[in-house]
Amino acid sequence: MRQIITHLPDDDLYKFTMCCAVIDNFPRAQVKYSFTDRGGTVYPAGFGRELERQIAMLEDVVITDEEIAFMKRRCRYIPHWFYSFLRGFRYDASLARVRQDASGHLQVEFEGCWTTTILLEVKVLAIISELYLMMTGRDAGLDLAAFAEKTRAKAERLIRNGCIFSDFGTRRRASFAAQEAAIRALAGVDAAATGPGRFTGTSNVYFAMKYDLVPVGTMAHEIIAAIGGMYGPQMANYLAMKAWSSTYRGSLGTFLYDTFGWEIFSLNFSEDYANMFKGLRVDSGDNREELEKIAAKYRSLGIDPATKQVVFSNALTVDQAVEIQHFAAPVCQPSFGIGTHFTHDFPGVDPLNIVIKLVAAKITESWPFFNETCKLSEEAAKHTGDPAVVRRFMESIHMIPPAGAGS
């Protein structure tokens, strides 16, 4: 089969920004990642072998001078030493382990230095998503012209309703071609003639370069989860904010707060960081309730929430974004990161519900891997990790009482 990923920047911006922060703050850290298919998909026979082959082909993917020049121009907050790292970066397929069991279920794990494994996650998810359609024959029926027209209509509606939005759809896209069709359609809408909203860019650095858009994104749960594994979840958000501000000095100031739930984040969110970070990202829970908590926290610190950005990104559709815009606009500066709804919306072809999450971390290669971690959430269905680890973390931050308490 053809090689699916052929460009190194065909990835989400936040993988590069986090990679830079990891090198800067945790250069010797080692991690483990694990794949979860929330839908329990049965993959076609031979899928695991072909996935291994696709990951091996990543070893020949390198960054170009044109791509580096674009990132230097559009991503001025990234220190220039990081581009020397990217020039020499090579994927290492030996860091990934792929298994497909007799029933067709898929297991994928990465293990190694955090600075190198971090750039595997989004690419492997995108490969799995596209490869699944290829090996089941569903890619043959994708009407990209109709898809692009549907995407254009979505953008026009968002803009009419005043929504500021971007594409977050790389990891679960139907295909490289589908994401390109979506971005071309989004970028082609004339916002000035349509309404007060606007399309601000894409998380995909390669497509941002190809269509001269702004690459958007800051961080993922991964960086807080890893710090929680190394140091404990109680202060993980604070330590993440400290590390992030050390590297970016106030740039890239949208913080993703729900890795271990709102309550522990709120305790970590001191006035200095509330002022430094330009806003927060909502990625789980009830959007209205989350906004109310965010606004109340800002007010408790003497900050007007209307001066702060809140990015909503919780599996959004256009309908949901428009609804949120109407109740959020009087409270804050809302914006929207829309993923699968932009890049995998074809009749009769459901996207895979897949994630790869960091599950263990250690601060140096000489330590044993006893620092397991997880990702919690504002909704239990989105907790990810070993159930025993999830429970231990929830107990440690008082999301649930310790086992046996009160007996």
Protein backbone atom coordinates (compact mmCIF):
# COMPACT_ATOMS: atom_id res chain seq x y z
CA MET A 1 0.00 0.00 0.00
CA ARG A 2 1.07 3.58 -0.60
CA GLN A 3 2.84 5.47 2.17
CA ILE A 4 0.26 7.48 4.13
CA ILE A 5 2.46 10.05 5.90
CA THR A 6 5.09 11.69 3.71
CA HIS A 7 5.68 15.10 5.36
CA LEU A 8 7.18 15.62 8.81
CA PRO A 9 5.03 18.74 9.55
CA ASP A 10 1.88 16.74 8.68
CA ASP A 11 1.18 16.85 12.40
CA ASP A 12 -0.51 19.01 14.99
CA LEU A 13 1.37 22.12 16.07
CA TYR A 14 1.11 21.19 19.73
CA LYS A 15 3.26 18.10 19.20
CA PHE A 16 6.11 20.39 18.13
CA THR A 17 5.52 22.99 20.84
CA MET A 18 5.33 20.29 23.52
CA CYS A 19 8.42 18.56 22.12
CA CYS A 20 10.32 21.84 22.42
CA ALA A 21 9.14 22.35 26.01
CA VAL A 22 10.05 18.75 26.90
CA ILE A 23 13.61 19.15 25.57
CA ASP A 24 13.89 22.43 27.46
CA ASN A 25 12.56 21.13 30.78
CA PHE A 26 12.68 17.31 30.85
CA PRO A 27 15.41 16.27 28.38
CA ARG A 28 16.07 12.85 29.95
CA ALA A 29 12.48 11.87 30.72
CA GLN A 30 11.29 8.45 29.52
CA VAL A 31 7.65 7.63 28.79
CA LYS A 32 5.19 4.97 27.72
CA TYR A 33 2.09 5.48 25.55
CA SER A 34 -0.84 3.15 24.95
CA PHE A 35 -3.49 3.03 22.22
CA THR A 36 -7.18 2.84 23.15
CA ASP A 37 -10.01 2.08 20.73
CA ARG A 38 -13.11 3.20 22.61
CA GLY A 39 -15.33 1.56 20.01
CA GLY A 40 -13.72 -1.89 20.26
CA THR A 41 -13.15 -1.99 16.49
CA VAL A 42 -12.30 -5.30 14.83
CA TYR A 43 -9.61 -4.46 12.29
CA PRO A 44 -9.14 -6.38 9.02
CA ALA A 45 -6.73 -9.31 8.92
CA GLY A 46 -3.18 -8.10 8.36
CA PHE A 47 -3.92 -4.59 9.65
CA GLY A 48 -1.28 -4.80 12.38
CA ARG A 49 1.43 -5.85 9.90
CA GLU A 50 0.59 -3.02 7.51
CA LEU A 51 0.54 -0.52 10.38
CA GLU A 52 4.03 -1.69 11.36
CA ARG A 53 5.15 -1.14 7.77
CA GLN A 54 3.66 2.36 7.69
CA ILE A 55 5.43 3.27 10.97
CA ALA A 56 8.71 1.91 9.56
CA MET A 57 8.31 4.17 6.51
CA LEU A 58 8.23 7.20 8.82
CA GLU A 59 11.98 6.70 9.27
CA ASP A 60 12.50 8.19 5.79
CA VAL A 61 10.38 11.29 6.51
CA VAL A 62 12.52 14.36 7.22
CA ILE A 63 11.86 18.07 7.46
CA THR A 64 12.73 20.34 4.53
CA ASP A 65 14.30 23.77 4.40
CA GLU A 66 11.00 25.19 3.09
CA GLU A 67 9.11 23.73 6.06
CA ILE A 68 11.60 25.10 8.57
CA ALA A 69 11.47 28.52 6.94
CA PHE A 70 7.68 28.52 7.22
CA MET A 71 7.73 27.54 10.89
CA LYS A 72 10.30 30.22 11.66
CA ARG A 73 8.05 32.80 9.99
CA ARG A 74 4.72 31.70 11.45
CA CYS A 75 5.81 30.24 14.81
CA ARG A 76 8.07 32.98 16.14
CA TYR A 77 7.55 31.82 19.73
CA ILE A 78 9.53 28.60 19.06
CA PRO A 79 13.23 29.14 19.91
CA HIS A 80 15.51 28.69 16.92
CA TRP A 81 17.59 25.96 18.58
CA PHE A 82 14.57 23.67 18.20
CA TYR A 83 14.93 23.77 14.41
CA SER A 84 18.42 22.29 14.71
CA PHE A 85 16.78 19.42 16.58
CA LEU A 86 14.15 19.02 13.84
CA ARG A 87 16.80 19.04 11.09
CA GLY A 88 18.44 16.03 12.70
CA PHE A 89 15.27 14.29 13.84
CA ARG A 90 14.54 10.78 12.58
CA TYR A 91 11.61 8.59 13.54
CA ASP A 92 12.58 5.30 15.15
CA ALA A 93 10.13 2.50 14.41
CA SER A 94 11.69 0.33 17.11
CA LEU A 95 10.04 2.56 19.74
CA ALA A 96 6.60 1.30 18.64
CA ARG A 97 5.11 -2.12 19.32
CA VAL A 98 2.07 -3.21 17.32
CA ARG A 99 0.01 -6.35 17.95
CA GLN A 100 -3.25 -7.57 16.46
CA ASP A 101 -4.90 -10.42 18.31
CA ALA A 102 -6.83 -13.35 16.87
CA SER A 103 -10.13 -11.48 17.22
CA GLY A 104 -8.81 -8.54 15.20
CA HIS A 105 -8.36 -6.05 18.03
CA LEU A 106 -5.37 -3.74 17.89
CA GLN A 107 -2.73 -2.94 20.49
CA VAL A 108 -0.15 -0.20 19.99
CA GLU A 109 2.46 0.99 22.49
CA PHE A 110 5.38 3.42 22.36
CA GLU A 111 8.24 3.47 24.85
CA GLY A 112 11.40 5.56 24.92
CA CYS A 113 12.81 9.01 25.43
CA TRP A 114 9.98 11.52 25.62
CA THR A 115 11.69 13.87 23.17
CA THR A 116 11.46 11.27 20.37
CA THR A 117 8.30 9.30 21.17
CA ILE A 118 6.26 12.52 21.44
CA LEU A 119 6.19 12.97 17.65
CA LEU A 120 4.67 9.53 16.99
CA GLU A 121 1.18 9.91 18.48
CA VAL A 122 -0.74 12.04 15.98
CA LYS A 123 0.93 10.49 12.95
CA VAL A 124 0.12 6.96 14.07
CA LEU A 125 -3.49 7.86 14.83
CA ALA A 126 -3.85 9.47 11.40
CA ILE A 127 -2.32 6.36 9.81
CA ILE A 128 -4.71 4.04 11.67
CA SER A 129 -7.74 6.11 10.68
CA GLU A 130 -6.85 6.28 6.98
CA LEU A 131 -5.52 2.73 6.79
CA TYR A 132 -8.75 1.38 8.24
CA LEU A 133 -10.78 2.97 5.45
CA MET A 134 -8.29 1.73 2.84
CA MET A 135 -8.26 -1.87 4.07
CA THR A 136 -12.05 -2.05 4.44
CA GLY A 137 -12.61 -0.49 1.01
CA ARG A 138 -14.57 2.42 2.44
CA ASP A 139 -12.19 5.01 1.04
CA ALA A 140 -13.41 4.25 -2.50
CA GLY A 141 -16.81 5.80 -1.85
CA LEU A 142 -15.66 9.12 -0.39
CA ASP A 143 -17.04 12.02 -2.44
CA LEU A 144 -14.49 14.76 -1.76
CA ALA A 145 -16.31 17.36 -3.87
CA ALA A 146 -19.55 16.96 -1.90
CA PHE A 147 -17.54 16.83 1.32
CA ALA A 148 -15.80 20.11 0.48
CA GLU A 149 -19.13 21.78 -0.29
CA LYS A 150 -20.56 20.55 3.03
CA THR A 151 -17.49 21.91 4.82
CA ARG A 152 -17.89 25.27 3.11
CA ALA A 153 -21.50 25.45 4.29
CA LYS A 154 -20.38 24.64 7.85
CA ALA A 155 -17.84 27.46 7.74
CA GLU A 156 -20.34 29.96 6.38
CA ARG A 157 -22.78 29.14 9.17
CA LEU A 158 -20.10 29.50 11.83
CA ILE A 159 -18.98 32.82 10.41
CA ARG A 160 -22.56 34.13 10.17
CA ASN A 161 -23.00 33.36 13.86
CA GLY A 162 -19.80 35.15 14.88
CA CYS A 163 -17.76 32.04 15.69
CA ILE A 164 -13.96 32.21 15.63
CA PHE A 165 -12.82 28.67 14.79
CA SER A 166 -9.97 26.49 13.58
CA ASP A 167 -9.41 22.97 12.29
CA PHE A 168 -8.21 20.44 14.89
CA GLY A 169 -8.88 17.33 12.77
CA THR A 170 -5.56 15.66 11.91
CA ARG A 171 -5.59 12.69 14.27
CA ARG A 172 -8.91 11.15 13.24
CA ARG A 173 -9.22 12.42 9.67
CA ALA A 174 -10.66 10.14 7.01
CA SER A 175 -7.54 10.71 4.94
CA PHE A 176 -4.85 13.21 4.09
CA ALA A 177 -6.89 14.14 1.00
CA ALA A 178 -10.04 14.65 3.09
CA GLN A 179 -8.32 17.02 5.48
CA GLU A 180 -6.83 18.95 2.58
CA ALA A 181 -10.25 19.23 0.93
CA ALA A 182 -11.70 20.52 4.21
CA ILE A 183 -8.95 23.09 4.78
CA ARG A 184 -9.13 24.32 1.19
CA ALA A 185 -12.87 24.83 1.62
CA LEU A 186 -12.49 26.54 5.00
CA ALA A 187 -9.76 28.86 3.74
CA GLY A 188 -11.80 29.74 0.65
CA VAL A 189 -14.79 31.18 2.49
CA ASP A 190 -14.94 34.95 2.28
CA ALA A 191 -15.52 35.90 5.88
CA ALA A 192 -15.90 39.60 5.07
CA ALA A 193 -18.89 38.82 2.88
CA THR A 194 -20.36 36.18 5.17
CA GLY A 195 -20.43 37.48 8.72
CA PRO A 196 -18.54 38.57 11.85
CA GLY A 197 -16.82 35.24 12.59
CA ARG A 198 -13.64 33.94 11.00
CA PHE A 199 -11.59 30.85 10.26
CA THR A 200 -8.27 31.35 12.05
CA GLY A 201 -6.18 28.42 10.81
CA THR A 202 -5.39 24.77 11.30
CA SER A 203 -3.52 22.69 13.83
CA ASN A 204 -1.83 20.86 10.93
CA VAL A 205 1.50 22.55 10.27
CA TYR A 206 1.96 21.13 6.76
CA PHE A 207 -1.44 22.32 5.53
CA ALA A 208 -0.90 25.67 7.24
CA MET A 209 2.26 26.02 5.15
CA LYS A 210 0.61 24.84 1.92
CA TYR A 211 -2.30 27.30 2.25
CA ASP A 212 -0.37 30.05 4.09
CA LEU A 213 -2.53 29.80 7.20
CA VAL A 214 -1.68 30.28 10.86
CA PRO A 215 -0.76 27.02 12.64
CA VAL A 216 -2.84 26.93 15.84
CA GLY A 217 -2.59 25.03 19.11
CA THR A 218 -0.69 25.01 22.37
CA MET A 219 -0.55 21.79 24.40
CA ALA A 220 -2.26 18.45 25.01
CA HIS A 221 -3.11 16.53 28.19
CA GLU A 222 0.11 14.62 27.70
CA ILE A 223 2.44 17.16 29.28
CA ILE A 224 0.37 17.47 32.47
CA ALA A 225 -0.16 13.68 32.62
CA ALA A 226 3.59 13.06 32.38
CA ILE A 227 4.38 15.60 35.08
CA GLY A 228 1.65 14.03 37.22
CA GLY A 229 3.33 10.66 36.77
CA MET A 230 6.74 12.00 37.73
CA TYR A 231 5.73 14.27 40.60
CA GLY A 232 2.12 13.45 41.48
CA PRO A 233 -1.15 14.98 40.25
CA GLN A 234 -1.63 17.45 43.09
CA MET A 235 0.79 20.06 41.68
CA ALA A 236 1.07 18.81 38.09
CA ASN A 237 -0.87 21.71 36.58
CA TYR A 238 1.23 24.28 38.43
CA LEU A 239 4.49 22.60 37.40
CA ALA A 240 3.26 22.39 33.80
CA MET A 241 2.41 26.10 33.77
CA LYS A 242 5.82 26.88 35.25
CA ALA A 243 7.65 24.79 32.64
CA TRP A 244 5.54 26.18 29.80
CA SER A 245 6.11 29.78 30.81
CA SER A 246 9.84 29.11 31.17
CA THR A 247 10.02 27.99 27.53
CA TYR A 248 7.50 30.33 25.91
CA ARG A 249 7.59 33.38 28.22
CA GLY A 250 3.93 34.26 27.86
CA SER A 251 3.38 33.08 24.28
CA LEU A 252 1.12 30.11 23.50
CA GLY A 253 -0.94 31.08 26.52
CA THR A 254 -3.98 28.81 26.32
CA PHE A 255 -3.87 26.18 29.05
CA LEU A 256 -5.68 22.83 28.87
CA TYR A 257 -6.97 22.35 32.40
CA ASP A 258 -8.92 19.08 32.62
CA THR A 259 -6.14 16.45 32.73
CA PHE A 260 -6.89 15.77 36.39
CA GLY A 261 -10.22 17.58 36.64
CA TRP A 262 -11.26 21.13 37.40
CA GLU A 263 -10.98 21.13 41.19
CA ILE A 264 -7.27 20.34 41.45
CA PHE A 265 -6.52 22.65 38.51
CA SER A 266 -8.40 25.49 40.20
CA LEU A 267 -6.23 25.12 43.29
CA ASN A 268 -3.12 25.29 41.08
CA PHE A 269 -4.36 28.28 39.06
CA SER A 270 -2.83 31.16 40.97
CA GLU A 271 -3.31 34.83 40.15
CA ASP A 272 0.08 35.19 38.46
CA TYR A 273 -0.64 32.39 36.00
CA ALA A 274 -4.25 33.45 35.54
CA ASN A 275 -2.92 36.82 34.40
CA MET A 276 -0.09 35.36 32.32
CA PHE A 277 -2.11 32.80 30.35
CA LYS A 278 -4.53 34.39 27.92
CA GLY A 279 -7.15 31.71 28.47
CA LEU A 280 -8.22 28.12 29.02
CA ARG A 281 -9.36 25.25 26.80
CA VAL A 282 -12.52 23.26 27.56
CA ASP A 283 -12.15 19.66 26.34
CA SER A 284 -14.63 17.72 28.49
CA GLY A 285 -17.72 18.15 30.61
CA ASP A 286 -20.80 20.27 30.04
CA ASN A 287 -19.66 23.38 28.15
CA ARG A 288 -22.01 25.77 29.95
CA GLU A 289 -21.10 24.43 33.40
CA GLU A 290 -17.38 24.53 32.59
CA LEU A 291 -17.66 28.15 31.47
CA GLU A 292 -19.46 29.07 34.68
CA LYS A 293 -16.61 27.56 36.74
CA ILE A 294 -13.99 29.33 34.65
CA ALA A 295 -15.73 32.70 34.92
CA ALA A 296 -16.18 32.30 38.68
CA LYS A 297 -12.50 31.46 39.13
CA TYR A 298 -11.36 34.50 37.17
CA ARG A 299 -13.69 36.75 39.16
CA SER A 300 -12.38 35.30 42.44
CA LEU A 301 -8.91 36.45 41.34
CA GLY A 302 -10.13 39.93 40.44
CA ILE A 303 -9.93 39.27 36.69
CA ASP A 304 -12.76 40.11 34.32
CA PRO A 305 -13.50 36.88 32.35
CA ALA A 306 -14.51 39.05 29.38
CA THR A 307 -10.79 39.78 28.93
CA LYS A 308 -9.95 36.07 28.65
CA GLN A 309 -10.18 33.58 25.81
CA VAL A 310 -11.95 30.25 26.30
CA VAL A 311 -11.34 27.67 23.58
CA PHE A 312 -14.03 25.00 23.29
CA SER A 313 -12.87 21.73 21.71
CA ASN A 314 -14.95 18.91 23.18
CA ALA A 315 -15.92 16.83 20.09
CA LEU A 316 -17.76 19.82 18.67
CA THR A 317 -20.20 20.03 15.80
CA VAL A 318 -21.29 23.25 14.10
CA ASP A 319 -24.62 23.16 15.96
CA GLN A 320 -22.83 22.90 19.30
CA ALA A 321 -20.37 25.68 18.46
CA VAL A 322 -23.17 28.05 17.47
CA GLU A 323 -25.06 27.25 20.68
CA ILE A 324 -21.95 27.86 22.79
CA GLN A 325 -21.20 31.11 20.97
CA HIS A 326 -24.56 32.53 21.95
CA PHE A 327 -24.18 31.91 25.69
CA ALA A 328 -20.39 32.37 25.91
CA ALA A 329 -19.92 35.61 23.96
CA PRO A 330 -21.35 37.81 26.77
CA VAL A 331 -19.02 36.15 29.30
CA CYS A 332 -15.63 35.63 27.64
CA GLN A 333 -13.85 35.61 24.29
CA PRO A 334 -14.98 32.23 22.89
CA SER A 335 -13.29 30.34 20.09
CA PHE A 336 -13.62 26.80 18.78
CA GLY A 337 -11.31 23.97 17.78
CA ILE A 338 -13.31 21.58 15.60
CA GLY A 339 -11.78 18.24 14.68
CA THR A 340 -13.46 15.12 13.35
CA HIS A 341 -16.58 17.04 12.35
CA PHE A 342 -14.45 18.86 9.77
CA THR A 343 -12.19 16.02 8.58
CA HIS A 344 -14.26 12.83 8.79
CA ASP A 345 -17.87 13.70 7.99
CA PHE A 346 -18.97 11.34 5.21
CA PRO A 347 -22.40 9.66 4.91
CA GLY A 348 -22.35 6.11 6.26
CA VAL A 349 -18.66 6.22 7.26
CA ASP A 350 -18.26 6.59 11.01
CA PRO A 351 -14.89 7.81 12.32
CA LEU A 352 -12.92 5.59 14.67
CA ASN A 353 -13.04 6.62 18.34
CA ILE A 354 -9.33 6.19 19.00
CA VAL A 355 -6.72 7.83 21.22
CA ILE A 356 -3.11 7.30 22.21
CA LYS A 357 -2.39 8.46 25.74
CA LEU A 358 0.72 8.65 27.87
CA VAL A 359 0.47 6.04 30.64
CA ALA A 360 3.84 6.13 32.44
CA ALA A 361 6.74 8.52 32.91
CA LYS A 362 10.09 8.66 34.66
CA ILE A 363 12.35 11.65 34.94
CA THR A 364 15.53 9.87 33.84
CA GLU A 365 16.50 6.67 32.07
CA SER A 366 18.17 5.25 35.19
CA TRP A 367 14.90 5.02 37.15
CA PRO A 368 12.50 2.07 36.97
CA PHE A 369 9.06 2.62 35.45
CA PHE A 370 7.02 2.83 38.66
CA ASN A 371 5.55 6.24 37.77
CA GLU A 372 2.34 5.23 36.05
CA THR A 373 -0.05 8.00 35.11
CA CYS A 374 -3.46 8.53 33.51
CA LYS A 375 -5.74 11.17 32.08
CA LEU A 376 -8.81 12.10 34.07
CA SER A 377 -11.53 14.38 32.76
CA GLU A 378 -14.64 16.33 33.61
CA GLU A 379 -16.60 13.27 32.43
CA ALA A 380 -15.87 9.71 33.55
CA ALA A 381 -16.25 8.25 30.04
CA LYS A 382 -13.12 10.13 28.98
CA HIS A 383 -10.86 8.87 31.78
CA THR A 384 -7.95 7.01 30.15
CA GLY A 385 -5.45 4.65 31.75
CA ASP A 386 -5.24 1.56 33.91
CA PRO A 387 -8.38 1.53 36.11
CA ALA A 388 -6.29 1.04 39.25
CA VAL A 389 -4.12 4.03 38.37
CA VAL A 390 -7.20 6.14 37.57
CA ARG A 391 -8.66 5.28 40.98
CA ARG A 392 -5.37 6.00 42.77
CA PHE A 393 -5.07 9.42 41.14
CA MET A 394 -8.71 10.23 41.88
CA GLU A 395 -8.18 9.30 45.52
CA SER A 396 -5.01 11.38 45.76
CA ILE A 397 -6.81 14.54 44.62
CA HIS A 398 -10.01 13.70 46.51
CA MET A 399 -12.21 13.17 43.45
CA ILE A 400 -13.35 10.02 45.27
CA PRO A 401 -12.80 8.88 48.86
CA PRO A 402 -10.02 6.33 49.41
CA ALA A 403 -10.98 2.67 49.13
CA GLY A 404 -12.44 1.51 52.46
CA ALA A 405 -13.01 5.03 53.76
CA GLY A 406 -15.95 5.20 56.09
CA SER A 407 -16.13 1.45 56.62
